[in-house]
Amino acid sequence: MQKNSLIVLLLISILLLAYPLAAMEETKVNVMVLSGTTGLSLVKMLEEKPTLIPKVSIDYTVIKSPDQMVAKIVSGDAQIAALPTNLASILYNRGLPIQLAAVTNWGVMYIVGQDAGISSWKDLKGKEIGVTGKGSTPDLLFRYFLSANGLDPEKDVQIQYYPTPAELAQLAIAGKVSLATLPEPWVTEVIKRAPSFNILLDYQKEWQHLEGRKESYPQSSLVVNTTLVQDNPGFVREFLKAAGASSTWVVNNPQEAGRLAHKHLFISADAALDAIPRCNLRFIESYKVKEEVEYFLGKLLSFQPQSIGGKLPDESFYLQK
């Protein structure tokens, strides 16, 4: 009897050595996305919460502000996050253990207004225009496009800054602002509720025109905690496959995606339906578009170094295949 007990204990010890207890327990991965279009490509996963591999569960959280997202990444609570690409660069340059896994959208910025006479950036001369986020990426690009078209942002245009796109959109709808730079879905909200407004200029097209790039600028991305990559590379691969499939589904099913965006991301379903085609959702893993990301970050570096954390991220920033 004692001999049999020893054999059983020996077998259990062998099994524990072959399969560590940590591997036998369930692991939870926290995925966090910013509300609005930054998290739009993942909305199908927010709804369905698929199990991708055994013993790994996923907890999804929608975060309302970039500051809150930064806090979650700094604390280690967010192991996968959807956020602006330049913010990913800032956090990496601060020494946080993250890698850029994929680009999720390629620009959502437009100029809307009531003046049908504006058909080029040069036509903005002498105009007053509402802009959000002084010093933010959209503001930096707006000033760059003006300068590239021969206008001095300080003298030739009257820029009025507003705290958020939501506030600026409401002022446009109320008729208190007649010309504004806005991201989707606020572009669609304004056009739907104030039919005198139209899209006049397109940031994404101007970037490609000026820079001669095949892609627009990589506005939003997914980052992954490096410890997760090291400890569970199989899960990370499966997550990225599912995220890519979710992005494609959103593009191909805007009506249903709009309903889910309303449910999870605080975007109205009607606005999302029309906004999705203008959100330029294309999920591409970072190693495939490293050149485009570096070019974009390099441009921001030349405008305002602190907008990407003071320097270009090194090779380790990009998650490899």
C-alpha atoms as a PDB file:
ATOM      1  CA  MET A   1       0.000   0.000   0.000  1.00  0.00           C
ATOM      2  CA  GLN A   2       2.825   2.360   0.981  1.00  0.00           C
ATOM      3  CA  LYS A   3       4.641   1.458  -2.257  1.00  0.00           C
ATOM      4  CA  ASN A   4       1.552   2.364  -4.336  1.00  0.00           C
ATOM      5  CA  SER A   5       1.245   5.709  -2.535  1.00  0.00           C
ATOM      6  CA  LEU A   6       4.854   6.519  -3.294  1.00  0.00           C
ATOM      7  CA  ILE A   7       4.310   5.687  -6.961  1.00  0.00           C
ATOM      8  CA  VAL A   8       1.247   7.976  -7.085  1.00  0.00           C
ATOM      9  CA  LEU A   9       3.196  10.823  -5.456  1.00  0.00           C
ATOM     10  CA  LEU A  10       6.034  10.292  -7.901  1.00  0.00           C
ATOM     11  CA  LEU A  11       3.659  10.461 -10.876  1.00  0.00           C
ATOM     12  CA  ILE A  12       2.060  13.667  -9.542  1.00  0.00           C
ATOM     13  CA  SER A  13       5.496  15.232  -9.117  1.00  0.00           C
ATOM     14  CA  ILE A  14       6.428  14.316 -12.680  1.00  0.00           C
ATOM     15  CA  LEU A  15       3.186  15.821 -14.002  1.00  0.00           C
ATOM     16  CA  LEU A  16       3.741  19.057 -12.068  1.00  0.00           C
ATOM     17  CA  LEU A  17       7.229  19.332 -13.455  1.00  0.00           C
ATOM     18  CA  ALA A  18       5.989  18.755 -17.002  1.00  0.00           C
ATOM     19  CA  TYR A  19       2.999  21.101 -16.609  1.00  0.00           C
ATOM     20  CA  PRO A  20       3.716  23.911 -14.131  1.00  0.00           C
ATOM     21  CA  LEU A  21       0.817  24.967 -11.950  1.00  0.00           C
ATOM     22  CA  ALA A  22       0.752  28.414 -13.560  1.00  0.00           C
ATOM     23  CA  ALA A  23       0.111  26.822 -16.927  1.00  0.00           C
ATOM     24  CA  MET A  24      -2.753  24.772 -15.505  1.00  0.00           C
ATOM     25  CA  GLU A  25      -4.493  27.795 -14.031  1.00  0.00           C
ATOM     26  CA  GLU A  26      -6.602  30.160 -16.094  1.00  0.00           C
ATOM     27  CA  THR A  27      -4.939  33.387 -17.178  1.00  0.00           C
ATOM     28  CA  LYS A  28      -6.883  36.633 -17.568  1.00  0.00           C
ATOM     29  CA  VAL A  29      -5.840  39.222 -20.150  1.00  0.00           C
ATOM     30  CA  ASN A  30      -7.120  42.788 -19.834  1.00  0.00           C
ATOM     31  CA  VAL A  31      -7.904  44.441 -23.171  1.00  0.00           C
ATOM     32  CA  MET A  32      -8.725  48.149 -23.034  1.00  0.00           C
ATOM     33  CA  VAL A  33      -9.854  50.427 -25.845  1.00  0.00           C
ATOM     34  CA  LEU A  34     -10.553  54.129 -26.035  1.00  0.00           C
ATOM     35  CA  SER A  35     -14.167  55.021 -26.712  1.00  0.00           C
ATOM     36  CA  GLY A  36     -14.996  56.440 -30.113  1.00  0.00           C
ATOM     37  CA  THR A  37     -13.346  55.443 -33.360  1.00  0.00           C
ATOM     38  CA  THR A  38     -10.078  54.335 -31.722  1.00  0.00           C
ATOM     39  CA  GLY A  39     -11.784  51.192 -30.453  1.00  0.00           C
ATOM     40  CA  LEU A  40     -14.143  50.764 -33.394  1.00  0.00           C
ATOM     41  CA  SER A  41     -12.244  47.986 -35.151  1.00  0.00           C
ATOM     42  CA  LEU A  42     -12.583  45.744 -32.064  1.00  0.00           C
ATOM     43  CA  VAL A  43     -16.291  46.288 -31.484  1.00  0.00           C
ATOM     44  CA  LYS A  44     -17.241  42.767 -32.644  1.00  0.00           C
ATOM     45  CA  MET A  45     -14.886  41.307 -30.040  1.00  0.00           C
ATOM     46  CA  LEU A  46     -16.314  43.626 -27.375  1.00  0.00           C
ATOM     47  CA  GLU A  47     -19.717  42.155 -28.156  1.00  0.00           C
ATOM     48  CA  GLU A  48     -18.873  38.464 -28.578  1.00  0.00           C
ATOM     49  CA  LYS A  49     -15.962  38.118 -26.122  1.00  0.00           C
ATOM     50  CA  PRO A  50     -14.569  35.083 -27.946  1.00  0.00           C
ATOM     51  CA  THR A  51     -12.372  32.491 -26.256  1.00  0.00           C
ATOM     52  CA  LEU A  52      -9.258  32.323 -28.398  1.00  0.00           C
ATOM     53  CA  ILE A  53      -7.199  29.639 -26.691  1.00  0.00           C
ATOM     54  CA  PRO A  54      -7.909  27.339 -23.704  1.00  0.00           C
ATOM     55  CA  LYS A  55      -7.185  28.613 -20.214  1.00  0.00           C
ATOM     56  CA  VAL A  56      -7.017  32.271 -21.274  1.00  0.00           C
ATOM     57  CA  SER A  57      -9.983  34.562 -20.631  1.00  0.00           C
ATOM     58  CA  ILE A  58     -10.257  38.151 -21.831  1.00  0.00           C
ATOM     59  CA  ASP A  59     -11.706  41.062 -19.896  1.00  0.00           C
ATOM     60  CA  TYR A  60     -12.663  44.014 -22.129  1.00  0.00           C
ATOM     61  CA  THR A  61     -12.886  47.595 -20.830  1.00  0.00           C
ATOM     62  CA  VAL A  62     -13.792  50.790 -22.678  1.00  0.00           C
ATOM     63  CA  ILE A  63     -11.830  53.817 -21.440  1.00  0.00           C
ATOM     64  CA  LYS A  64     -13.179  57.326 -21.992  1.00  0.00           C
ATOM     65  CA  SER A  65     -10.018  59.446 -21.963  1.00  0.00           C
ATOM     66  CA  PRO A  66      -6.362  59.101 -23.039  1.00  0.00           C
ATOM     67  CA  ASP A  67      -5.235  60.081 -19.518  1.00  0.00           C
ATOM     68  CA  GLN A  68      -7.174  57.178 -18.037  1.00  0.00           C
ATOM     69  CA  MET A  69      -5.677  54.850 -20.635  1.00  0.00           C
ATOM     70  CA  VAL A  70      -2.153  56.019 -19.796  1.00  0.00           C
ATOM     71  CA  ALA A  71      -2.805  55.293 -16.110  1.00  0.00           C
ATOM     72  CA  LYS A  72      -4.008  51.762 -16.937  1.00  0.00           C
ATOM     73  CA  ILE A  73      -0.936  51.039 -19.074  1.00  0.00           C
ATOM     74  CA  VAL A  74       1.483  52.520 -16.512  1.00  0.00           C
ATOM     75  CA  SER A  75      -0.053  50.408 -13.735  1.00  0.00           C
ATOM     76  CA  GLY A  76       0.128  47.274 -15.885  1.00  0.00           C
ATOM     77  CA  ASP A  77      -3.647  46.794 -15.776  1.00  0.00           C
ATOM     78  CA  ALA A  78      -3.961  47.075 -19.573  1.00  0.00           C
ATOM     79  CA  GLN A  79      -2.091  44.250 -21.300  1.00  0.00           C
ATOM     80  CA  ILE A  80      -3.513  45.028 -24.741  1.00  0.00           C
ATOM     81  CA  ALA A  81      -4.687  48.541 -25.583  1.00  0.00           C
ATOM     82  CA  ALA A  82      -6.115  50.480 -28.536  1.00  0.00           C
ATOM     83  CA  LEU A  83      -4.802  54.048 -28.521  1.00  0.00           C
ATOM     84  CA  PRO A  84      -3.320  56.788 -30.753  1.00  0.00           C
ATOM     85  CA  THR A  85      -0.040  55.754 -32.386  1.00  0.00           C
ATOM     86  CA  ASN A  86       1.874  58.784 -31.145  1.00  0.00           C
ATOM     87  CA  LEU A  87       0.730  58.039 -27.573  1.00  0.00           C
ATOM     88  CA  ALA A  88       2.125  54.520 -27.958  1.00  0.00           C
ATOM     89  CA  SER A  89       5.452  56.086 -28.944  1.00  0.00           C
ATOM     90  CA  ILE A  90       5.410  58.423 -25.941  1.00  0.00           C
ATOM     91  CA  LEU A  91       4.783  55.551 -23.521  1.00  0.00           C
ATOM     92  CA  TYR A  92       7.454  53.360 -25.093  1.00  0.00           C
ATOM     93  CA  ASN A  93       9.980  56.190 -24.912  1.00  0.00           C
ATOM     94  CA  ARG A  94       9.165  56.571 -21.218  1.00  0.00           C
ATOM     95  CA  GLY A  95      10.390  53.010 -20.751  1.00  0.00           C
ATOM     96  CA  LEU A  96       7.045  51.250 -20.439  1.00  0.00           C
ATOM     97  CA  PRO A  97       7.121  47.582 -21.531  1.00  0.00           C
ATOM     98  CA  ILE A  98       4.873  47.770 -24.595  1.00  0.00           C
ATOM     99  CA  GLN A  99       5.207  46.953 -28.281  1.00  0.00           C
ATOM    100  CA  LEU A 100       3.271  48.225 -31.265  1.00  0.00           C
ATOM    101  CA  ALA A 101       1.339  45.223 -32.568  1.00  0.00           C
ATOM    102  CA  ALA A 102      -0.798  46.673 -35.376  1.00  0.00           C
ATOM    103  CA  VAL A 103      -2.168  49.831 -36.938  1.00  0.00           C
ATOM    104  CA  THR A 104      -5.967  49.898 -36.763  1.00  0.00           C
ATOM    105  CA  ASN A 105      -7.038  53.080 -38.555  1.00  0.00           C
ATOM    106  CA  TRP A 106      -5.414  55.459 -41.015  1.00  0.00           C
ATOM    107  CA  GLY A 107      -6.912  58.817 -40.150  1.00  0.00           C
ATOM    108  CA  VAL A 108     -10.414  60.061 -39.318  1.00  0.00           C
ATOM    109  CA  MET A 109      -9.962  63.839 -39.565  1.00  0.00           C
ATOM    110  CA  TYR A 110     -11.896  66.236 -41.823  1.00  0.00           C
ATOM    111  CA  ILE A 111     -12.764  69.920 -42.111  1.00  0.00           C
ATOM    112  CA  VAL A 112     -16.487  70.584 -42.168  1.00  0.00           C
ATOM    113  CA  GLY A 113     -18.223  73.847 -42.886  1.00  0.00           C
ATOM    114  CA  GLN A 114     -21.007  75.799 -44.533  1.00  0.00           C
ATOM    115  CA  ASP A 115     -18.844  77.643 -47.074  1.00  0.00           C
ATOM    116  CA  ALA A 116     -19.059  75.823 -50.396  1.00  0.00           C
ATOM    117  CA  GLY A 117     -16.361  78.147 -51.731  1.00  0.00           C
ATOM    118  CA  ILE A 118     -13.691  76.279 -49.744  1.00  0.00           C
ATOM    119  CA  SER A 119     -12.285  73.534 -51.959  1.00  0.00           C
ATOM    120  CA  SER A 120      -8.577  73.760 -51.176  1.00  0.00           C
ATOM    121  CA  TRP A 121      -6.414  74.473 -48.148  1.00  0.00           C
ATOM    122  CA  LYS A 122      -5.462  77.842 -49.630  1.00  0.00           C
ATOM    123  CA  ASP A 123      -9.132  78.823 -49.474  1.00  0.00           C
ATOM    124  CA  LEU A 124      -8.884  78.839 -45.655  1.00  0.00           C
ATOM    125  CA  LYS A 125      -6.996  82.138 -45.779  1.00  0.00           C
ATOM    126  CA  GLY A 126      -8.764  84.750 -43.664  1.00  0.00           C
ATOM    127  CA  LYS A 127     -11.207  82.230 -42.197  1.00  0.00           C
ATOM    128  CA  GLU A 128     -11.988  81.531 -38.551  1.00  0.00           C
ATOM    129  CA  ILE A 129     -11.939  77.827 -37.764  1.00  0.00           C
ATOM    130  CA  GLY A 130     -12.592  75.728 -34.668  1.00  0.00           C
ATOM    131  CA  VAL A 131      -9.893  73.219 -33.730  1.00  0.00           C
ATOM    132  CA  THR A 132      -9.675  70.831 -30.768  1.00  0.00           C
ATOM    133  CA  GLY A 133      -6.687  69.741 -28.740  1.00  0.00           C
ATOM    134  CA  LYS A 134      -4.024  72.437 -29.035  1.00  0.00           C
ATOM    135  CA  GLY A 135      -0.718  70.678 -29.698  1.00  0.00           C
ATOM    136  CA  SER A 136      -2.416  67.367 -30.438  1.00  0.00           C
ATOM    137  CA  THR A 137      -1.690  65.340 -33.572  1.00  0.00           C
ATOM    138  CA  PRO A 138      -4.732  66.704 -35.474  1.00  0.00           C
ATOM    139  CA  ASP A 139      -3.681  70.262 -34.574  1.00  0.00           C
ATOM    140  CA  LEU A 140      -0.072  69.636 -35.645  1.00  0.00           C
ATOM    141  CA  LEU A 141      -1.213  68.187 -38.963  1.00  0.00           C
ATOM    142  CA  PHE A 142      -3.656  71.041 -39.514  1.00  0.00           C
ATOM    143  CA  ARG A 143      -0.877  73.602 -39.061  1.00  0.00           C
ATOM    144  CA  TYR A 144       1.436  71.586 -41.297  1.00  0.00           C
ATOM    145  CA  PHE A 145      -1.137  71.430 -44.102  1.00  0.00           C
ATOM    146  CA  LEU A 146      -1.663  75.192 -43.892  1.00  0.00           C
ATOM    147  CA  SER A 147       2.075  75.862 -44.062  1.00  0.00           C
ATOM    148  CA  ALA A 148       2.568  73.421 -46.924  1.00  0.00           C
ATOM    149  CA  ASN A 149      -0.070  75.360 -48.859  1.00  0.00           C
ATOM    150  CA  GLY A 150       1.609  78.712 -48.292  1.00  0.00           C
ATOM    151  CA  LEU A 151      -0.434  79.914 -45.310  1.00  0.00           C
ATOM    152  CA  ASP A 152       0.907  81.106 -41.957  1.00  0.00           C
ATOM    153  CA  PRO A 153      -1.189  79.446 -39.213  1.00  0.00           C
ATOM    154  CA  GLU A 154      -0.523  82.398 -36.895  1.00  0.00           C
ATOM    155  CA  LYS A 155      -1.457  85.159 -39.350  1.00  0.00           C
ATOM    156  CA  ASP A 156      -3.558  83.852 -42.226  1.00  0.00           C
ATOM    157  CA  VAL A 157      -6.127  81.838 -40.236  1.00  0.00           C
ATOM    158  CA  GLN A 158      -7.987  82.626 -37.017  1.00  0.00           C
ATOM    159  CA  ILE A 159      -7.777  79.410 -34.996  1.00  0.00           C
ATOM    160  CA  GLN A 160     -10.166  79.043 -32.074  1.00  0.00           C
ATOM    161  CA  TYR A 161      -9.351  76.106 -29.804  1.00  0.00           C
ATOM    162  CA  TYR A 162     -11.972  73.998 -28.030  1.00  0.00           C
ATOM    163  CA  PRO A 163     -11.456  71.300 -25.383  1.00  0.00           C
ATOM    164  CA  THR A 164     -13.145  68.340 -27.098  1.00  0.00           C
ATOM    165  CA  PRO A 165     -14.597  67.291 -30.471  1.00  0.00           C
ATOM    166  CA  ALA A 166     -17.953  66.743 -28.773  1.00  0.00           C
ATOM    167  CA  GLU A 167     -18.113  70.376 -27.634  1.00  0.00           C
ATOM    168  CA  LEU A 168     -17.004  71.738 -31.001  1.00  0.00           C
ATOM    169  CA  ALA A 169     -19.527  69.559 -32.826  1.00  0.00           C
ATOM    170  CA  GLN A 170     -22.366  70.808 -30.614  1.00  0.00           C
ATOM    171  CA  LEU A 171     -21.393  74.417 -31.292  1.00  0.00           C
ATOM    172  CA  ALA A 172     -21.375  73.729 -35.034  1.00  0.00           C
ATOM    173  CA  ILE A 173     -24.795  72.089 -34.821  1.00  0.00           C
ATOM    174  CA  ALA A 174     -26.094  75.111 -32.873  1.00  0.00           C
ATOM    175  CA  GLY A 175     -24.788  77.449 -35.581  1.00  0.00           C
ATOM    176  CA  LYS A 176     -22.176  79.068 -33.335  1.00  0.00           C
ATOM    177  CA  VAL A 177     -19.215  77.732 -35.344  1.00  0.00           C
ATOM    178  CA  SER A 178     -19.318  77.709 -39.148  1.00  0.00           C
ATOM    179  CA  LEU A 179     -15.996  75.975 -39.897  1.00  0.00           C
ATOM    180  CA  ALA A 180     -14.339  73.205 -37.860  1.00  0.00           C
ATOM    181  CA  THR A 181     -11.780  70.409 -37.881  1.00  0.00           C
ATOM    182  CA  LEU A 182     -13.382  67.244 -36.526  1.00  0.00           C
ATOM    183  CA  PRO A 183     -12.816  63.496 -36.380  1.00  0.00           C
ATOM    184  CA  GLU A 184     -15.412  60.904 -37.164  1.00  0.00           C
ATOM    185  CA  PRO A 185     -18.000  60.171 -35.846  1.00  0.00           C
ATOM    186  CA  TRP A 186     -18.471  63.855 -34.980  1.00  0.00           C
ATOM    187  CA  VAL A 187     -18.210  64.773 -38.668  1.00  0.00           C
ATOM    188  CA  THR A 188     -21.269  62.652 -39.380  1.00  0.00           C
ATOM    189  CA  GLU A 189     -23.119  63.938 -36.300  1.00  0.00           C
ATOM    190  CA  VAL A 190     -22.720  67.517 -37.517  1.00  0.00           C
ATOM    191  CA  ILE A 191     -23.727  66.767 -41.111  1.00  0.00           C
ATOM    192  CA  LYS A 192     -26.794  64.806 -40.032  1.00  0.00           C
ATOM    193  CA  ARG A 193     -28.026  67.387 -37.533  1.00  0.00           C
ATOM    194  CA  ALA A 194     -26.990  70.521 -39.452  1.00  0.00           C
ATOM    195  CA  PRO A 195     -27.539  69.810 -43.177  1.00  0.00           C
ATOM    196  CA  SER A 196     -25.926  73.138 -44.158  1.00  0.00           C
ATOM    197  CA  PHE A 197     -22.563  71.568 -43.221  1.00  0.00           C
ATOM    198  CA  ASN A 198     -20.513  69.479 -45.648  1.00  0.00           C
ATOM    199  CA  ILE A 199     -17.089  67.884 -45.686  1.00  0.00           C
ATOM    200  CA  LEU A 200     -14.824  70.455 -47.317  1.00  0.00           C
ATOM    201  CA  LEU A 201     -11.310  69.065 -46.844  1.00  0.00           C
ATOM    202  CA  ASP A 202      -9.827  65.655 -46.047  1.00  0.00           C
ATOM    203  CA  TYR A 203      -6.731  65.319 -43.840  1.00  0.00           C
ATOM    204  CA  GLN A 204      -5.987  61.840 -45.147  1.00  0.00           C
ATOM    205  CA  LYS A 205      -5.980  62.804 -48.820  1.00  0.00           C
ATOM    206  CA  GLU A 206      -3.843  65.868 -48.107  1.00  0.00           C
ATOM    207  CA  TRP A 207      -1.273  63.738 -46.249  1.00  0.00           C
ATOM    208  CA  GLN A 208      -0.980  61.346 -49.179  1.00  0.00           C
ATOM    209  CA  HIS A 209      -0.842  64.239 -51.649  1.00  0.00           C
ATOM    210  CA  LEU A 210       1.894  66.118 -49.800  1.00  0.00           C
ATOM    211  CA  GLU A 211       3.957  63.149 -48.677  1.00  0.00           C
ATOM    212  CA  GLY A 212       3.510  60.871 -51.670  1.00  0.00           C
ATOM    213  CA  ARG A 213       2.689  57.908 -49.406  1.00  0.00           C
ATOM    214  CA  LYS A 214       0.688  54.871 -50.447  1.00  0.00           C
ATOM    215  CA  GLU A 215      -1.045  54.899 -47.048  1.00  0.00           C
ATOM    216  CA  SER A 216      -2.509  57.731 -45.038  1.00  0.00           C
ATOM    217  CA  TYR A 217      -1.051  58.448 -41.595  1.00  0.00           C
ATOM    218  CA  PRO A 218      -1.337  55.637 -38.999  1.00  0.00           C
ATOM    219  CA  GLN A 219      -3.539  57.384 -36.466  1.00  0.00           C
ATOM    220  CA  SER A 220      -4.508  54.556 -34.093  1.00  0.00           C
ATOM    221  CA  SER A 221      -2.854  51.306 -33.091  1.00  0.00           C
ATOM    222  CA  LEU A 222      -2.884  48.282 -30.814  1.00  0.00           C
ATOM    223  CA  VAL A 223      -0.110  47.843 -28.270  1.00  0.00           C
ATOM    224  CA  VAL A 224       0.724  44.695 -26.335  1.00  0.00           C
ATOM    225  CA  ASN A 225       2.565  44.328 -23.032  1.00  0.00           C
ATOM    226  CA  THR A 226       5.958  42.701 -23.663  1.00  0.00           C
ATOM    227  CA  THR A 227       5.525  40.277 -20.753  1.00  0.00           C
ATOM    228  CA  LEU A 228       2.347  38.950 -22.373  1.00  0.00           C
ATOM    229  CA  VAL A 229       4.216  38.530 -25.661  1.00  0.00           C
ATOM    230  CA  GLN A 230       6.995  36.598 -23.921  1.00  0.00           C
ATOM    231  CA  ASP A 231       4.757  34.461 -21.707  1.00  0.00           C
ATOM    232  CA  ASN A 232       1.948  33.714 -24.135  1.00  0.00           C
ATOM    233  CA  PRO A 233       2.967  34.335 -27.766  1.00  0.00           C
ATOM    234  CA  GLY A 234       0.343  31.887 -29.008  1.00  0.00           C
ATOM    235  CA  PHE A 235      -2.443  33.911 -27.441  1.00  0.00           C
ATOM    236  CA  VAL A 236      -1.072  37.156 -28.879  1.00  0.00           C
ATOM    237  CA  ARG A 237      -1.012  35.626 -32.376  1.00  0.00           C
ATOM    238  CA  GLU A 238      -4.597  34.428 -32.045  1.00  0.00           C
ATOM    239  CA  PHE A 239      -5.745  37.771 -30.659  1.00  0.00           C
ATOM    240  CA  LEU A 240      -4.258  39.667 -33.579  1.00  0.00           C
ATOM    241  CA  LYS A 241      -5.927  37.280 -36.044  1.00  0.00           C
ATOM    242  CA  ALA A 242      -9.283  37.840 -34.336  1.00  0.00           C
ATOM    243  CA  ALA A 243      -8.726  41.608 -34.194  1.00  0.00           C
ATOM    244  CA  GLY A 244      -7.987  41.694 -37.912  1.00  0.00           C
ATOM    245  CA  ALA A 245     -11.142  39.687 -38.637  1.00  0.00           C
ATOM    246  CA  SER A 246     -13.182  42.022 -36.409  1.00  0.00           C
ATOM    247  CA  SER A 247     -11.893  45.066 -38.298  1.00  0.00           C
ATOM    248  CA  THR A 248     -12.835  43.529 -41.654  1.00  0.00           C
ATOM    249  CA  TRP A 249     -16.295  42.653 -40.315  1.00  0.00           C
ATOM    250  CA  VAL A 250     -16.880  46.250 -39.156  1.00  0.00           C
ATOM    251  CA  VAL A 251     -15.995  47.600 -42.603  1.00  0.00           C
ATOM    252  CA  ASN A 252     -18.240  45.064 -44.362  1.00  0.00           C
ATOM    253  CA  ASN A 253     -21.184  45.317 -41.940  1.00  0.00           C
ATOM    254  CA  PRO A 254     -21.530  49.014 -41.058  1.00  0.00           C
ATOM    255  CA  GLN A 255     -25.173  48.813 -39.990  1.00  0.00           C
ATOM    256  CA  GLU A 256     -24.671  46.025 -37.454  1.00  0.00           C
ATOM    257  CA  ALA A 257     -21.316  47.498 -36.430  1.00  0.00           C
ATOM    258  CA  GLY A 258     -23.073  50.816 -35.848  1.00  0.00           C
ATOM    259  CA  ARG A 259     -25.494  49.147 -33.456  1.00  0.00           C
ATOM    260  CA  LEU A 260     -22.582  47.638 -31.518  1.00  0.00           C
ATOM    261  CA  ALA A 261     -20.697  50.952 -31.549  1.00  0.00           C
ATOM    262  CA  HIS A 262     -23.723  52.591 -29.941  1.00  0.00           C
ATOM    263  CA  LYS A 263     -23.848  49.844 -27.315  1.00  0.00           C
ATOM    264  CA  HIS A 264     -20.150  49.749 -26.430  1.00  0.00           C
ATOM    265  CA  LEU A 265     -18.334  52.868 -27.658  1.00  0.00           C
ATOM    266  CA  PHE A 266     -20.727  55.773 -27.056  1.00  0.00           C
ATOM    267  CA  ILE A 267     -21.177  56.401 -30.787  1.00  0.00           C
ATOM    268  CA  SER A 268     -24.713  56.817 -32.086  1.00  0.00           C
ATOM    269  CA  ALA A 269     -25.757  53.983 -34.372  1.00  0.00           C
ATOM    270  CA  ASP A 270     -26.905  56.359 -37.143  1.00  0.00           C
ATOM    271  CA  ALA A 271     -23.639  58.303 -37.060  1.00  0.00           C
ATOM    272  CA  ALA A 272     -21.534  55.133 -37.031  1.00  0.00           C
ATOM    273  CA  LEU A 273     -23.287  53.757 -40.123  1.00  0.00           C
ATOM    274  CA  ASP A 274     -22.192  56.716 -42.253  1.00  0.00           C
ATOM    275  CA  ALA A 275     -18.932  57.318 -40.381  1.00  0.00           C
ATOM    276  CA  ILE A 276     -17.432  53.832 -40.759  1.00  0.00           C
ATOM    277  CA  PRO A 277     -16.509  54.213 -44.456  1.00  0.00           C
ATOM    278  CA  ARG A 278     -14.662  57.451 -43.553  1.00  0.00           C
ATOM    279  CA  CYS A 279     -12.788  55.909 -40.596  1.00  0.00           C
ATOM    280  CA  ASN A 280     -10.223  54.252 -42.865  1.00  0.00           C
ATOM    281  CA  LEU A 281     -10.173  51.033 -40.849  1.00  0.00           C
ATOM    282  CA  ARG A 282      -7.399  48.769 -42.125  1.00  0.00           C
ATOM    283  CA  PHE A 283      -5.865  46.381 -39.628  1.00  0.00           C
ATOM    284  CA  ILE A 284      -2.213  45.800 -40.536  1.00  0.00           C
ATOM    285  CA  GLU A 285       0.391  44.254 -38.236  1.00  0.00           C
ATOM    286  CA  SER A 286       3.114  46.738 -37.365  1.00  0.00           C
ATOM    287  CA  TYR A 287       6.053  44.860 -38.863  1.00  0.00           C
ATOM    288  CA  LYS A 288       4.352  45.129 -42.278  1.00  0.00           C
ATOM    289  CA  VAL A 289       3.994  48.921 -42.089  1.00  0.00           C
ATOM    290  CA  LYS A 290       7.013  49.852 -39.983  1.00  0.00           C
ATOM    291  CA  GLU A 291       8.194  52.278 -42.678  1.00  0.00           C
ATOM    292  CA  GLU A 292       4.854  54.132 -42.681  1.00  0.00           C
ATOM    293  CA  VAL A 293       4.786  54.362 -38.880  1.00  0.00           C
ATOM    294  CA  GLU A 294       8.385  55.611 -38.729  1.00  0.00           C
ATOM    295  CA  TYR A 295       7.691  58.196 -41.430  1.00  0.00           C
ATOM    296  CA  PHE A 296       4.635  59.500 -39.573  1.00  0.00           C
ATOM    297  CA  LEU A 297       6.395  59.627 -36.200  1.00  0.00           C
ATOM    298  CA  GLY A 298       9.402  61.287 -37.840  1.00  0.00           C
ATOM    299  CA  LYS A 299       7.147  64.008 -39.224  1.00  0.00           C
ATOM    300  CA  LEU A 300       5.588  64.611 -35.800  1.00  0.00           C
ATOM    301  CA  LEU A 301       9.088  64.694 -34.313  1.00  0.00           C
ATOM    302  CA  SER A 302      10.001  67.511 -36.691  1.00  0.00           C
ATOM    303  CA  PHE A 303       6.875  69.485 -35.676  1.00  0.00           C
ATOM    304  CA  GLN A 304       6.960  68.909 -31.930  1.00  0.00           C
ATOM    305  CA  PRO A 305       9.371  66.357 -30.384  1.00  0.00           C
ATOM    306  CA  GLN A 306       7.299  65.828 -27.252  1.00  0.00           C
ATOM    307  CA  SER A 307       4.368  64.651 -29.405  1.00  0.00           C
ATOM    308  CA  ILE A 308       6.118  61.269 -29.762  1.00  0.00           C
ATOM    309  CA  GLY A 309       8.200  61.257 -26.585  1.00  0.00           C
ATOM    310  CA  GLY A 310      11.255  63.155 -27.819  1.00  0.00           C
ATOM    311  CA  LYS A 311      12.737  60.607 -30.223  1.00  0.00           C
ATOM    312  CA  LEU A 312      11.893  57.885 -32.702  1.00  0.00           C
ATOM    313  CA  PRO A 313      11.302  54.531 -30.993  1.00  0.00           C
ATOM    314  CA  ASP A 314      13.942  51.880 -31.668  1.00  0.00           C
ATOM    315  CA  GLU A 315      13.447  48.519 -33.407  1.00  0.00           C
ATOM    316  CA  SER A 316      12.109  46.832 -30.266  1.00  0.00           C
ATOM    317  CA  PHE A 317       9.021  49.061 -30.434  1.00  0.00           C
ATOM    318  CA  TYR A 318       7.658  46.957 -33.299  1.00  0.00           C
ATOM    319  CA  LEU A 319       6.222  43.520 -32.571  1.00  0.00           C
ATOM    320  CA  GLN A 320       7.808  41.072 -34.968  1.00  0.00           C
ATOM    321  CA  LYS A 321       6.052  38.294 -36.843  1.00  0.00           C
END
